[in-house]
Amino acid sequence: MEGLGSSENGSSWNYATATTKYDGKVLLLAFVTQVNGMSKEEIVKILVEQVVAMGFKIRLITLDASIL
């Protein structure tokens, strides 16, 4: 699978987040800056590791169109 790219000259920020809904609010749980050539699997792995490290259990992961 090909890696995701960001701007060649570094003028744009690409990032992925892990969020959840709680009490009607969307909470940001994890954040990762995408580096040129980073695979989709690497991005998801980093996000999952961050969420699990905080003690949360993951029951369901839904990927939006930007990561597919």
C-alpha atoms as a PDB file:
ATOM      1  CA  MET A   1       0.000   0.000   0.000  1.00  0.00           C
ATOM      2  CA  GLU A   2       1.367   3.401  -0.893  1.00  0.00           C
ATOM      3  CA  GLY A   3       2.221   5.945   1.758  1.00  0.00           C
ATOM      4  CA  LEU A   4       0.417   9.194   2.251  1.00  0.00           C
ATOM      5  CA  GLY A   5       2.217  12.336   1.203  1.00  0.00           C
ATOM      6  CA  SER A   6       2.352  15.870   2.426  1.00  0.00           C
ATOM      7  CA  SER A   7       3.498  19.000   0.689  1.00  0.00           C
ATOM      8  CA  GLU A   8       6.957  18.626  -0.812  1.00  0.00           C
ATOM      9  CA  ASN A   9       8.045  22.031   0.456  1.00  0.00           C
ATOM     10  CA  GLY A  10       6.488  21.560   3.883  1.00  0.00           C
ATOM     11  CA  SER A  11       3.923  24.337   3.526  1.00  0.00           C
ATOM     12  CA  SER A  12       0.936  22.216   4.497  1.00  0.00           C
ATOM     13  CA  TRP A  13       0.074  20.228   7.597  1.00  0.00           C
ATOM     14  CA  ASN A  14      -1.468  16.790   7.221  1.00  0.00           C
ATOM     15  CA  TYR A  15      -2.653  15.045  10.323  1.00  0.00           C
ATOM     16  CA  ALA A  16      -4.878  12.236  11.547  1.00  0.00           C
ATOM     17  CA  THR A  17      -6.918  12.197  14.737  1.00  0.00           C
ATOM     18  CA  ALA A  18      -8.736   9.694  16.925  1.00  0.00           C
ATOM     19  CA  THR A  19     -11.955  11.066  18.388  1.00  0.00           C
ATOM     20  CA  THR A  20     -14.900   9.797  20.392  1.00  0.00           C
ATOM     21  CA  LYS A  21     -18.321  11.149  21.319  1.00  0.00           C
ATOM     22  CA  TYR A  22     -19.134  11.552  24.989  1.00  0.00           C
ATOM     23  CA  ASP A  23     -22.087  13.353  26.518  1.00  0.00           C
ATOM     24  CA  GLY A  24     -22.933  14.945  23.167  1.00  0.00           C
ATOM     25  CA  LYS A  25     -19.402  16.299  22.661  1.00  0.00           C
ATOM     26  CA  VAL A  26     -16.644  15.167  20.326  1.00  0.00           C
ATOM     27  CA  LEU A  27     -13.411  14.603  22.241  1.00  0.00           C
ATOM     28  CA  LEU A  28      -9.970  14.454  20.645  1.00  0.00           C
ATOM     29  CA  LEU A  29      -8.086  11.444  22.025  1.00  0.00           C
ATOM     30  CA  ALA A  30      -5.025  11.224  19.802  1.00  0.00           C
ATOM     31  CA  PHE A  31      -3.228  13.204  17.117  1.00  0.00           C
ATOM     32  CA  VAL A  32      -0.452  12.281  14.680  1.00  0.00           C
ATOM     33  CA  THR A  33       1.275  14.440  12.082  1.00  0.00           C
ATOM     34  CA  GLN A  34       1.598  12.576   8.803  1.00  0.00           C
ATOM     35  CA  VAL A  35       5.102  12.442   7.392  1.00  0.00           C
ATOM     36  CA  ASN A  36       5.810  11.998   3.680  1.00  0.00           C
ATOM     37  CA  GLY A  37       5.625   8.308   2.793  1.00  0.00           C
ATOM     38  CA  MET A  38       3.922   7.228   6.034  1.00  0.00           C
ATOM     39  CA  SER A  39       1.611   4.286   5.352  1.00  0.00           C
ATOM     40  CA  LYS A  40      -2.031   4.195   6.343  1.00  0.00           C
ATOM     41  CA  GLU A  41      -1.285   1.223   8.591  1.00  0.00           C
ATOM     42  CA  GLU A  42       1.416   3.193  10.449  1.00  0.00           C
ATOM     43  CA  ILE A  43      -0.985   6.075  11.047  1.00  0.00           C
ATOM     44  CA  VAL A  44      -3.733   3.847  12.441  1.00  0.00           C
ATOM     45  CA  LYS A  45      -1.219   1.932  14.602  1.00  0.00           C
ATOM     46  CA  ILE A  46       0.113   5.151  16.165  1.00  0.00           C
ATOM     47  CA  LEU A  47      -3.398   6.433  16.919  1.00  0.00           C
ATOM     48  CA  VAL A  48      -4.464   3.116  18.463  1.00  0.00           C
ATOM     49  CA  GLU A  49      -1.293   2.955  20.594  1.00  0.00           C
ATOM     50  CA  GLN A  50      -1.937   6.458  21.937  1.00  0.00           C
ATOM     51  CA  VAL A  51      -5.548   5.694  22.837  1.00  0.00           C
ATOM     52  CA  VAL A  52      -4.686   2.360  24.515  1.00  0.00           C
ATOM     53  CA  ALA A  53      -1.806   3.977  26.434  1.00  0.00           C
ATOM     54  CA  MET A  54      -4.333   6.317  28.058  1.00  0.00           C
ATOM     55  CA  GLY A  55      -6.263   3.308  29.350  1.00  0.00           C
ATOM     56  CA  PHE A  56      -9.187   3.374  26.926  1.00  0.00           C
ATOM     57  CA  LYS A  57     -10.619   0.204  25.410  1.00  0.00           C
ATOM     58  CA  ILE A  58     -11.414   0.307  21.701  1.00  0.00           C
ATOM     59  CA  ARG A  59     -14.615  -1.438  20.653  1.00  0.00           C
ATOM     60  CA  LEU A  60     -14.955  -0.097  17.127  1.00  0.00           C
ATOM     61  CA  ILE A  61     -12.728   1.786  14.703  1.00  0.00           C
ATOM     62  CA  THR A  62     -14.284   3.660  11.799  1.00  0.00           C
ATOM     63  CA  LEU A  63     -11.999   5.148   9.158  1.00  0.00           C
ATOM     64  CA  ASP A  64     -13.245   8.148   7.223  1.00  0.00           C
ATOM     65  CA  ALA A  65     -12.709   8.660   3.520  1.00  0.00           C
ATOM     66  CA  SER A  66      -9.466  10.598   3.970  1.00  0.00           C
ATOM     67  CA  ILE A  67      -7.615   7.561   5.373  1.00  0.00           C
ATOM     68  CA  LEU A  68      -9.127   4.950   3.068  1.00  0.00           C
END
